[in-house]
Amino acid sequence: MRSISTRLAVWYALAATLTLACLFVVGYQLLQTYLIHGLDLLNSAEFEQIKAHMGDDYMTQSTRVIDERIRETTELSSVLFYIEIDSPQRGKVFSSHNLQGLAIPDIPGQHRYNTQVPRIGELRVAEFVLPFLDITIATPLSQVRKVMEGYVEVCAWLLAAMLGVSVLIGFGLSRLALRPMRLMREAANRIRSDNLSERIPVMQVNDEVSDLARLLNQMFDRLESAFNQVRNFTAEASHELKTPLSLVRLQAEKLLVGGNLSSANEESVQMQLEELARVNQIIDEMLFLSRAEAHAITLQCQPIDPERFLKSFALDARVLAEHGGHQFQVLHTGAGAVSFDEKRIRQVLLNLLANALAVSAPGGMVTMRSQLNANEWRVAVEDQGPGLPHHQHERIFDRFVRVNPRDKDGRGSGLGLAICRSIIILHRGQIVAANGSDGHGLSVAFTIPATQGTPPTDTAAARVS
């Protein structure tokens, strides 16, 4: 039971059912004691009636006279009472016919007790003493036992009903009690790196849940402050670095134009220019990511026919693939229009294509699958490379992660897929990595919401810059 709501409901049901069971046990004992006490009162009343019928002169009467006097009253109650009268001097004075000649067992030292008589069953016995007489009156316990059995049966049904009802009530109460926790969870799920300004609503009640919500809001305040500091530092540092890097590049180019360098020095300067270009690219990418996370990038979205767009992209993609000795194909299904920024989605596709070509063996096939339906547009780029372990499928979208460097010296920045994810998120979509369709290679797919509409009449190829 991983759910707190389920555990609370079960605990509540068990507690309520066990409490009721304890009450039923106590009630069982009290009811049984009350019923047996009622039998003792009946035995006492019968004794008073027998005593009255014997008369005050019973000590001077014969055994036959005493038997006749008692028989008159006991015959009418023989179904309810079993009577036996003994005298230390005369022996057995009277025995009711329903005893069938049997004797009621005697327990020394006890005047009220339960006993078992063969062929008659369990009896409740009361002993009374008169001068020269011991009177034993017994009443059957069968009716008491039936009442107690009925009580047990009713209690069992009530316990079963109580368990079922208390489970339902427990679920209702637990959901009601945990509703603030669910609201907190939903609010916390909405708070991400691109939405750190939202806070968890705090109820106007000073309880543990409200204290937890305030504590989480304080934590989000600190996280937002830290994220803002990192973003500001990245943006400002990237911006400040561009000026000195531009000056260094100008000086290096000036040295090359002067023509006064030896071949070795000229090669060194060329290498410096290449590294400067690479650093400038990393700075631009970091600036883009910072602006994307701060929602400072405005997309130029318009309804576009994905099929025409991919046909235009395929022309450049095949050139890139053939240059590296690879193959490329595009498979598209569905018709309609999708609203997206053509330039940014083209950037995403080029990045995914470059990664796929980098890990593909010579002659390998890179496949781009596109599917458009009423809800979304899905594009997947699949290679035939070595693939990645499952635990790295999400990690490759982090910054500066280079699982498979593009070349031997690992000159890739590791920001390409992070930029792709930022662009897709700006389009309110998702991007994920998975194993290839045949179990080999890697498939990186993104989805963006589809829009119903008519694409512009000009082709996608005319809009690509």
Protein backbone atom coordinates (compact mmCIF):
# COMPACT_ATOMS: atom_id res chain seq x y z
CA MET A 1 0.00 0.00 0.00
CA ARG A 2 2.10 2.85 -1.31
CA SER A 3 -0.73 5.38 -1.17
CA ILE A 4 -1.09 7.33 2.08
CA SER A 5 -4.81 7.64 1.37
CA THR A 6 -5.13 3.85 1.17
CA ARG A 7 -3.11 3.33 4.33
CA LEU A 8 -5.18 5.88 6.25
CA ALA A 9 -8.41 4.29 5.05
CA VAL A 10 -7.24 0.79 6.05
CA TRP A 11 -5.98 2.00 9.43
CA TYR A 12 -9.25 3.81 10.07
CA ALA A 13 -11.27 0.74 9.08
CA LEU A 14 -9.18 -1.55 11.29
CA ALA A 15 -9.34 0.82 14.24
CA ALA A 16 -13.11 1.27 13.94
CA THR A 17 -13.73 -2.45 13.42
CA LEU A 18 -11.46 -3.50 16.30
CA THR A 19 -13.09 -0.93 18.58
CA LEU A 20 -16.53 -2.26 17.68
CA ALA A 21 -15.30 -5.85 18.15
CA CYS A 22 -14.07 -4.99 21.65
CA LEU A 23 -17.42 -3.42 22.44
CA PHE A 24 -19.18 -6.54 21.17
CA VAL A 25 -16.99 -8.76 23.40
CA VAL A 26 -17.79 -6.63 26.42
CA GLY A 27 -21.46 -6.62 25.42
CA TYR A 28 -21.36 -10.40 25.08
CA GLN A 29 -20.11 -10.79 28.63
CA LEU A 30 -22.58 -8.27 30.04
CA LEU A 31 -25.56 -9.76 28.18
CA GLN A 32 -24.67 -13.30 29.23
CA THR A 33 -24.26 -12.21 32.83
CA TYR A 34 -27.59 -10.37 32.70
CA LEU A 35 -29.45 -13.34 31.23
CA ILE A 36 -27.97 -15.80 33.75
CA HIS A 37 -28.83 -13.40 36.54
CA GLY A 38 -32.40 -13.46 35.22
CA LEU A 39 -32.39 -17.26 35.50
CA ASP A 40 -31.18 -16.95 39.10
CA LEU A 41 -34.10 -14.64 39.82
CA LEU A 42 -36.50 -17.17 38.27
CA ASN A 43 -35.02 -19.92 40.45
CA SER A 44 -35.39 -17.73 43.51
CA ALA A 45 -39.03 -16.96 42.64
CA GLU A 46 -39.74 -20.68 42.18
CA PHE A 47 -38.16 -21.38 45.57
CA GLU A 48 -40.45 -18.87 47.24
CA GLN A 49 -43.43 -20.48 45.58
CA ILE A 50 -42.35 -23.99 46.73
CA LYS A 51 -41.74 -22.70 50.24
CA ALA A 52 -45.22 -21.23 50.37
CA HIS A 53 -46.86 -24.47 49.17
CA MET A 54 -45.00 -26.60 51.74
CA GLY A 55 -46.45 -24.55 54.56
CA ASP A 56 -44.96 -23.71 57.90
CA ASP A 57 -45.64 -27.22 59.25
CA TYR A 58 -43.53 -29.06 56.69
CA MET A 59 -41.19 -30.31 59.40
CA THR A 60 -44.01 -32.29 61.01
CA GLN A 61 -45.44 -33.66 57.76
CA SER A 62 -44.57 -36.91 56.12
CA THR A 63 -42.59 -37.22 52.95
CA ARG A 64 -45.70 -38.11 50.99
CA VAL A 65 -47.55 -34.98 52.11
CA ILE A 66 -44.62 -32.77 51.24
CA ASP A 67 -44.37 -34.41 47.82
CA GLU A 68 -48.06 -33.83 47.14
CA ARG A 69 -47.91 -30.18 48.15
CA ILE A 70 -44.88 -29.46 45.97
CA ARG A 71 -46.15 -31.53 43.04
CA GLU A 72 -49.21 -29.30 42.76
CA THR A 73 -47.12 -26.25 41.82
CA THR A 74 -44.17 -27.84 40.04
CA GLU A 75 -46.11 -29.86 37.50
CA LEU A 76 -47.25 -26.68 35.80
CA SER A 77 -43.66 -25.37 35.52
CA SER A 78 -41.89 -28.64 34.70
CA VAL A 79 -40.85 -27.28 31.30
CA LEU A 80 -38.87 -24.49 32.98
CA PHE A 81 -37.68 -25.90 36.30
CA TYR A 82 -35.96 -29.05 37.48
CA ILE A 83 -36.44 -29.51 41.23
CA GLU A 84 -34.80 -31.79 43.72
CA ILE A 85 -35.30 -31.74 47.54
CA ASP A 86 -33.10 -33.68 49.94
CA SER A 87 -33.21 -34.10 53.71
CA PRO A 88 -30.24 -35.16 55.81
CA GLN A 89 -32.59 -37.34 57.94
CA ARG A 90 -35.07 -38.61 55.33
CA GLY A 91 -32.91 -38.72 52.20
CA LYS A 92 -34.50 -37.64 48.87
CA VAL A 93 -37.81 -36.01 49.64
CA PHE A 94 -38.82 -34.79 46.15
CA SER A 95 -37.62 -35.10 42.56
CA SER A 96 -39.52 -33.56 39.61
CA HIS A 97 -40.65 -35.95 36.88
CA ASN A 98 -38.67 -34.10 34.17
CA LEU A 99 -35.43 -35.22 35.83
CA GLN A 100 -36.33 -38.76 34.75
CA GLY A 101 -34.75 -40.20 37.88
CA LEU A 102 -31.47 -38.37 37.36
CA ALA A 103 -29.77 -36.32 40.04
CA ILE A 104 -28.62 -32.74 39.67
CA PRO A 105 -24.85 -32.70 40.31
CA ASP A 106 -23.74 -30.83 43.39
CA ILE A 107 -20.68 -28.60 43.53
CA PRO A 108 -19.53 -28.22 47.13
CA GLY A 109 -19.20 -24.64 48.33
CA GLN A 110 -21.26 -23.11 45.46
CA HIS A 111 -24.94 -22.19 45.59
CA ARG A 112 -25.30 -20.89 42.00
CA TYR A 113 -23.49 -22.65 39.20
CA ASN A 114 -23.77 -24.21 35.76
CA THR A 115 -23.78 -27.98 35.34
CA GLN A 116 -24.37 -30.61 32.69
CA VAL A 117 -26.97 -33.37 33.11
CA PRO A 118 -27.08 -36.27 30.61
CA ARG A 119 -30.13 -36.29 28.28
CA ILE A 120 -31.22 -32.93 29.70
CA GLY A 121 -28.37 -30.62 28.85
CA GLU A 122 -26.80 -27.63 30.54
CA LEU A 123 -28.61 -26.22 33.57
CA ARG A 124 -28.36 -23.17 35.75
CA VAL A 125 -28.56 -24.43 39.33
CA ALA A 126 -29.49 -22.59 42.50
CA GLU A 127 -29.37 -24.22 45.95
CA PHE A 128 -31.53 -23.06 48.83
CA VAL A 129 -31.40 -24.27 52.45
CA LEU A 130 -34.34 -24.63 54.85
CA PRO A 131 -34.27 -26.30 58.24
CA PHE A 132 -33.89 -30.03 57.60
CA LEU A 133 -34.19 -29.52 53.79
CA ASP A 134 -31.82 -28.79 50.85
CA ILE A 135 -33.77 -27.50 47.86
CA THR A 136 -32.06 -27.56 44.41
CA ILE A 137 -33.77 -25.73 41.53
CA ALA A 138 -32.32 -25.76 38.01
CA THR A 139 -33.33 -23.96 34.82
CA PRO A 140 -32.20 -24.90 31.29
CA LEU A 141 -29.46 -22.74 29.77
CA SER A 142 -30.31 -23.71 26.18
CA GLN A 143 -32.32 -20.56 25.50
CA VAL A 144 -29.53 -18.39 26.86
CA ARG A 145 -27.05 -20.16 24.61
CA LYS A 146 -29.31 -19.64 21.59
CA VAL A 147 -29.64 -15.97 22.42
CA MET A 148 -25.84 -15.68 22.71
CA GLU A 149 -25.34 -17.54 19.43
CA GLY A 150 -27.74 -15.15 17.75
CA TYR A 151 -25.85 -12.27 19.35
CA VAL A 152 -22.56 -13.59 17.96
CA GLU A 153 -24.05 -14.02 14.47
CA VAL A 154 -25.49 -10.50 14.49
CA CYS A 155 -22.19 -9.11 15.74
CA ALA A 156 -20.29 -10.92 12.98
CA TRP A 157 -22.53 -9.42 10.30
CA LEU A 158 -22.28 -6.01 11.91
CA LEU A 159 -18.48 -6.29 12.03
CA ALA A 160 -18.36 -7.21 8.33
CA ALA A 161 -20.67 -4.31 7.50
CA MET A 162 -18.64 -2.03 9.74
CA LEU A 163 -15.43 -3.04 7.98
CA GLY A 164 -16.87 -2.29 4.53
CA VAL A 165 -18.53 0.97 5.56
CA SER A 166 -15.50 2.16 7.51
CA VAL A 167 -13.25 1.48 4.49
CA LEU A 168 -15.49 3.67 2.33
CA ILE A 169 -15.72 6.35 5.01
CA GLY A 170 -11.96 6.09 5.55
CA PHE A 171 -11.29 6.64 1.86
CA GLY A 172 -13.61 9.64 1.85
CA LEU A 173 -12.09 11.14 5.00
CA SER A 174 -8.52 10.46 3.85
CA ARG A 175 -9.15 12.10 0.48
CA LEU A 176 -10.73 15.05 2.22
CA ALA A 177 -7.87 15.29 4.71
CA LEU A 178 -5.21 14.90 2.00
CA ARG A 179 -6.84 17.30 -0.46
CA PRO A 180 -4.46 20.13 0.56
CA MET A 181 -1.56 17.75 -0.07
CA ARG A 182 -2.85 16.97 -3.58
CA LEU A 183 -3.21 20.68 -4.31
CA MET A 184 0.35 21.18 -3.09
CA ARG A 185 1.57 18.36 -5.32
CA GLU A 186 -0.18 19.78 -8.37
CA ALA A 187 1.22 23.24 -7.69
CA ALA A 188 4.71 21.85 -7.08
CA ASN A 189 4.54 19.91 -10.39
CA ARG A 190 3.77 23.13 -12.22
CA ILE A 191 6.78 24.88 -10.72
CA ARG A 192 9.76 24.25 -12.98
CA SER A 193 12.89 26.07 -13.99
CA ASP A 194 10.83 28.10 -16.46
CA ASN A 195 8.06 28.82 -13.95
CA LEU A 196 9.73 29.49 -10.62
CA SER A 197 7.57 32.50 -9.83
CA GLU A 198 4.48 30.38 -9.03
CA ARG A 199 3.90 29.44 -5.42
CA ILE A 200 1.89 26.84 -3.52
CA PRO A 201 -1.37 28.28 -2.12
CA VAL A 202 -1.38 28.37 1.69
CA MET A 203 -4.65 27.70 3.50
CA GLN A 204 -5.75 30.08 6.21
CA VAL A 205 -5.32 27.39 8.85
CA ASN A 206 -2.35 27.06 11.16
CA ASP A 207 -1.78 23.34 10.87
CA GLU A 208 1.02 21.04 9.75
CA VAL A 209 -0.03 21.16 6.08
CA SER A 210 0.03 24.96 6.01
CA ASP A 211 3.44 24.94 7.69
CA LEU A 212 4.70 22.52 5.03
CA ALA A 213 3.32 24.73 2.24
CA ARG A 214 5.07 27.79 3.71
CA LEU A 215 8.30 25.83 4.03
CA LEU A 216 8.11 24.70 0.40
CA ASN A 217 7.39 28.26 -0.74
CA GLN A 218 10.47 29.46 1.13
CA MET A 219 12.50 26.77 -0.62
CA PHE A 220 11.12 27.86 -4.02
CA ASP A 221 12.04 31.46 -3.16
CA ARG A 222 15.63 30.38 -2.62
CA LEU A 223 15.61 28.27 -5.80
CA GLU A 224 14.22 31.14 -7.87
CA SER A 225 16.86 33.47 -6.50
CA ALA A 226 19.62 30.95 -7.27
CA PHE A 227 18.30 30.29 -10.78
CA ASN A 228 18.06 33.99 -11.51
CA GLN A 229 21.62 34.53 -10.31
CA VAL A 230 22.89 31.71 -12.53
CA ARG A 231 20.94 32.97 -15.53
CA ASN A 232 22.09 36.53 -15.03
CA PHE A 233 25.67 35.42 -14.62
CA THR A 234 25.54 33.28 -17.75
CA ALA A 235 23.96 36.02 -19.83
CA GLU A 236 26.21 38.77 -18.54
CA ALA A 237 29.37 36.69 -18.73
CA SER A 238 28.54 35.55 -22.26
CA HIS A 239 27.80 39.10 -23.34
CA GLU A 240 30.94 40.53 -21.77
CA LEU A 241 33.13 37.86 -23.36
CA LYS A 242 32.04 38.67 -26.89
CA THR A 243 33.85 42.04 -27.02
CA PRO A 244 37.33 40.85 -25.98
CA LEU A 245 36.96 37.77 -28.16
CA SER A 246 36.07 39.96 -31.13
CA LEU A 247 39.17 42.10 -30.50
CA VAL A 248 41.37 39.02 -30.27
CA ARG A 249 39.90 37.71 -33.53
CA LEU A 250 40.50 41.05 -35.27
CA GLN A 251 44.12 41.07 -34.13
CA ALA A 252 44.62 37.49 -35.32
CA GLU A 253 43.11 38.27 -38.70
CA LYS A 254 45.27 41.37 -38.95
CA LEU A 255 48.38 39.25 -38.41
CA LEU A 256 47.30 36.91 -41.19
CA VAL A 257 46.58 39.78 -43.59
CA GLY A 258 49.98 41.34 -42.86
CA GLY A 259 51.73 38.30 -44.38
CA ASN A 260 54.79 38.65 -42.13
CA LEU A 261 54.30 35.32 -40.35
CA SER A 262 56.19 32.17 -40.92
CA SER A 263 54.28 29.11 -42.04
CA ALA A 264 54.37 27.64 -38.51
CA ASN A 265 53.12 30.87 -36.94
CA GLU A 266 50.47 31.26 -39.61
CA GLU A 267 49.19 27.76 -38.87
CA SER A 268 49.09 28.60 -35.17
CA VAL A 269 47.07 31.75 -35.81
CA GLN A 270 44.67 29.82 -38.00
CA MET A 271 44.16 27.37 -35.14
CA GLN A 272 43.52 30.28 -32.79
CA LEU A 273 40.86 31.63 -35.15
CA GLU A 274 39.16 28.25 -35.26
CA GLU A 275 39.11 28.05 -31.48
CA LEU A 276 37.80 31.60 -31.25
CA ALA A 277 35.00 30.69 -33.64
CA ARG A 278 34.19 27.66 -31.51
CA VAL A 279 34.16 29.75 -28.31
CA ASN A 280 31.93 32.32 -30.00
CA GLN A 281 29.55 29.54 -31.00
CA ILE A 282 29.41 28.25 -27.41
CA ILE A 283 28.75 31.77 -26.15
CA ASP A 284 25.92 32.23 -28.64
CA GLU A 285 24.44 28.91 -27.63
CA MET A 286 24.65 29.77 -23.92
CA LEU A 287 23.04 33.15 -24.58
CA PHE A 288 20.23 31.40 -26.47
CA LEU A 289 19.64 28.93 -23.64
CA SER A 290 19.57 31.72 -21.04
CA ARG A 291 17.10 33.72 -23.09
CA ALA A 292 14.98 30.66 -23.77
CA GLU A 293 14.77 29.77 -20.07
CA ALA A 294 13.86 33.38 -19.29
CA HIS A 295 11.17 33.30 -22.03
CA ALA A 296 12.90 36.22 -23.75
CA ILE A 297 12.69 34.60 -27.20
CA THR A 298 9.72 35.35 -29.43
CA LEU A 299 8.84 32.66 -31.95
CA GLN A 300 7.72 33.60 -35.43
CA CYS A 301 5.07 30.90 -35.73
CA GLN A 302 2.79 30.49 -38.71
CA PRO A 303 0.75 27.60 -40.15
CA ILE A 304 3.03 25.46 -42.33
CA ASP A 305 2.51 22.23 -44.21
CA PRO A 306 4.97 19.75 -42.59
CA GLU A 307 5.23 17.68 -45.77
CA ARG A 308 6.43 20.63 -47.87
CA PHE A 309 8.73 21.78 -45.08
CA LEU A 310 10.36 18.34 -44.81
CA LYS A 311 10.76 18.05 -48.59
CA SER A 312 12.72 21.30 -48.55
CA PHE A 313 14.79 20.16 -45.58
CA ALA A 314 15.49 16.79 -47.20
CA LEU A 315 17.42 18.47 -50.03
CA ASP A 316 20.02 19.84 -47.64
CA ALA A 317 19.93 16.74 -45.45
CA ARG A 318 20.82 14.40 -48.32
CA VAL A 319 23.77 16.62 -49.26
CA LEU A 320 25.09 16.47 -45.69
CA ALA A 321 24.57 12.70 -45.53
CA GLU A 322 26.25 11.99 -48.89
CA HIS A 323 29.18 14.20 -47.93
CA GLY A 324 29.91 11.85 -45.03
CA GLY A 325 29.17 8.68 -46.98
CA HIS A 326 25.77 8.07 -45.39
CA GLN A 327 22.20 7.63 -46.60
CA PHE A 328 19.13 9.65 -45.65
CA GLN A 329 15.39 9.20 -46.13
CA VAL A 330 12.22 11.00 -45.03
CA LEU A 331 8.94 9.20 -44.36
CA HIS A 332 5.87 11.36 -43.76
CA THR A 333 2.21 10.52 -43.13
CA GLY A 334 -0.74 12.81 -42.52
CA ALA A 335 -1.96 16.04 -44.05
CA GLY A 336 -2.68 19.42 -42.55
CA ALA A 337 -0.92 22.43 -41.09
CA VAL A 338 1.11 22.99 -37.94
CA SER A 339 1.96 26.35 -36.44
CA PHE A 340 5.68 26.58 -35.71
CA ASP A 341 8.76 28.77 -36.19
CA GLU A 342 10.30 27.40 -39.38
CA LYS A 343 13.79 28.70 -38.66
CA ARG A 344 13.90 27.21 -35.14
CA ILE A 345 12.48 23.80 -36.11
CA ARG A 346 14.95 23.66 -38.99
CA GLN A 347 17.71 24.30 -36.44
CA VAL A 348 16.41 21.39 -34.35
CA LEU A 349 16.31 19.02 -37.32
CA LEU A 350 19.82 19.98 -38.45
CA ASN A 351 21.15 19.35 -34.97
CA LEU A 352 19.44 15.95 -34.69
CA LEU A 353 20.66 15.05 -38.19
CA ALA A 354 24.25 16.06 -37.40
CA ASN A 355 24.22 13.94 -34.23
CA ALA A 356 22.80 10.94 -36.11
CA LEU A 357 25.40 11.24 -38.92
CA ALA A 358 28.21 11.56 -36.37
CA VAL A 359 27.47 8.17 -34.79
CA SER A 360 26.51 6.29 -37.98
CA ALA A 361 28.95 3.98 -39.69
CA PRO A 362 29.89 4.73 -43.34
CA GLY A 363 26.99 3.78 -45.56
CA GLY A 364 24.58 3.77 -42.65
CA MET A 365 21.00 4.94 -43.04
CA VAL A 366 19.53 7.88 -41.13
CA THR A 367 15.73 7.88 -41.22
CA MET A 368 13.44 10.79 -40.42
CA ARG A 369 9.87 9.73 -39.67
CA SER A 370 7.12 12.34 -39.56
CA GLN A 371 3.53 11.74 -38.54
CA LEU A 372 0.77 14.36 -38.37
CA ASN A 373 -2.59 13.72 -36.74
CA ALA A 374 -5.36 15.83 -35.35
CA ASN A 375 -3.58 16.44 -32.04
CA GLU A 376 0.15 16.65 -32.69
CA TRP A 377 3.02 16.56 -35.14
CA ARG A 378 5.68 13.98 -34.31
CA VAL A 379 9.12 13.86 -35.92
CA ALA A 380 11.73 11.19 -35.08
CA VAL A 381 15.32 11.01 -36.34
CA GLU A 382 16.69 7.48 -36.11
CA ASP A 383 20.24 6.32 -36.76
CA GLN A 384 21.91 2.92 -37.01
CA GLY A 385 24.70 3.72 -34.60
CA PRO A 386 25.66 1.97 -31.35
CA GLY A 387 22.76 3.52 -29.41
CA LEU A 388 22.78 4.47 -25.75
CA PRO A 389 21.88 2.75 -22.48
CA HIS A 390 18.40 3.52 -21.24
CA HIS A 391 19.63 5.56 -18.24
CA GLN A 392 21.34 8.03 -20.60
CA HIS A 393 18.29 8.76 -22.76
CA GLU A 394 17.25 11.68 -20.58
CA ARG A 395 20.75 12.78 -19.65
CA ILE A 396 21.77 13.64 -23.24
CA PHE A 397 19.49 16.71 -23.13
CA ASP A 398 21.49 18.26 -20.28
CA ARG A 399 24.03 20.97 -20.96
CA PHE A 400 27.61 20.06 -21.88
CA VAL A 401 26.83 16.33 -22.04
CA ARG A 402 28.75 14.60 -24.85
CA VAL A 403 28.06 10.89 -24.74
CA ASN A 404 29.30 10.30 -28.28
CA PRO A 405 31.63 13.16 -29.31
CA ARG A 406 31.33 14.11 -32.93
CA ASP A 407 35.00 13.67 -33.62
CA LYS A 408 37.94 12.12 -31.92
CA ASP A 409 39.08 15.26 -30.13
CA GLY A 410 35.55 15.87 -28.79
CA ARG A 411 35.14 19.38 -30.14
CA GLY A 412 31.35 19.37 -29.80
CA SER A 413 30.05 21.81 -27.21
CA GLY A 414 27.43 19.47 -25.74
CA LEU A 415 24.78 22.19 -25.98
CA GLY A 416 23.03 21.11 -29.17
CA LEU A 417 20.39 18.84 -27.66
CA ALA A 418 19.85 21.25 -24.77
CA ILE A 419 19.05 23.93 -27.36
CA CYS A 420 16.75 21.53 -29.18
CA ARG A 421 14.84 20.87 -25.99
CA SER A 422 14.53 24.61 -25.27
CA ILE A 423 13.15 25.24 -28.77
CA ILE A 424 10.63 22.41 -28.51
CA ILE A 425 9.53 23.58 -25.05
CA LEU A 426 8.99 27.06 -26.49
CA HIS A 427 6.66 25.36 -28.99
CA ARG A 428 4.82 23.75 -26.02
CA GLY A 429 6.07 20.34 -27.11
CA GLN A 430 8.28 17.52 -25.82
CA ILE A 431 11.46 15.84 -26.98
CA VAL A 432 12.60 12.38 -25.89
CA ALA A 433 15.19 9.76 -26.80
CA ALA A 434 14.56 6.03 -27.14
CA ASN A 435 16.02 2.92 -28.70
CA GLY A 436 15.68 2.49 -32.45
CA SER A 437 12.68 0.72 -33.98
CA ASP A 438 14.69 -2.49 -34.55
CA GLY A 439 16.38 -2.35 -31.15
CA HIS A 440 19.58 -0.83 -32.56
CA GLY A 441 20.67 2.76 -32.80
CA LEU A 442 19.02 5.78 -31.21
CA SER A 443 15.77 7.55 -32.04
CA VAL A 444 15.29 11.16 -30.92
CA ALA A 445 11.71 12.35 -31.40
CA PHE A 446 9.87 15.57 -30.69
CA THR A 447 6.17 16.37 -30.71
CA ILE A 448 4.47 19.74 -30.94
CA PRO A 449 0.73 20.45 -30.83
CA ALA A 450 -0.98 20.48 -34.20
CA THR A 451 -3.25 23.28 -35.36
CA GLN A 452 -6.04 23.01 -37.88
CA GLY A 453 -5.72 25.44 -40.73
CA THR A 454 -4.67 25.99 -44.30
CA PRO A 455 -0.94 26.47 -44.92
CA PRO A 456 0.29 29.43 -46.94
CA THR A 457 0.31 28.98 -50.72
CA ASP A 458 4.05 29.50 -51.07
CA THR A 459 6.17 26.41 -50.57
CA ALA A 460 8.27 25.71 -47.53
CA ALA A 461 11.41 25.82 -49.67
CA ALA A 462 10.81 29.48 -50.46
CA ARG A 463 10.61 30.37 -46.77
CA VAL A 464 13.84 28.70 -45.60
CA SER A 465 16.65 31.18 -45.17
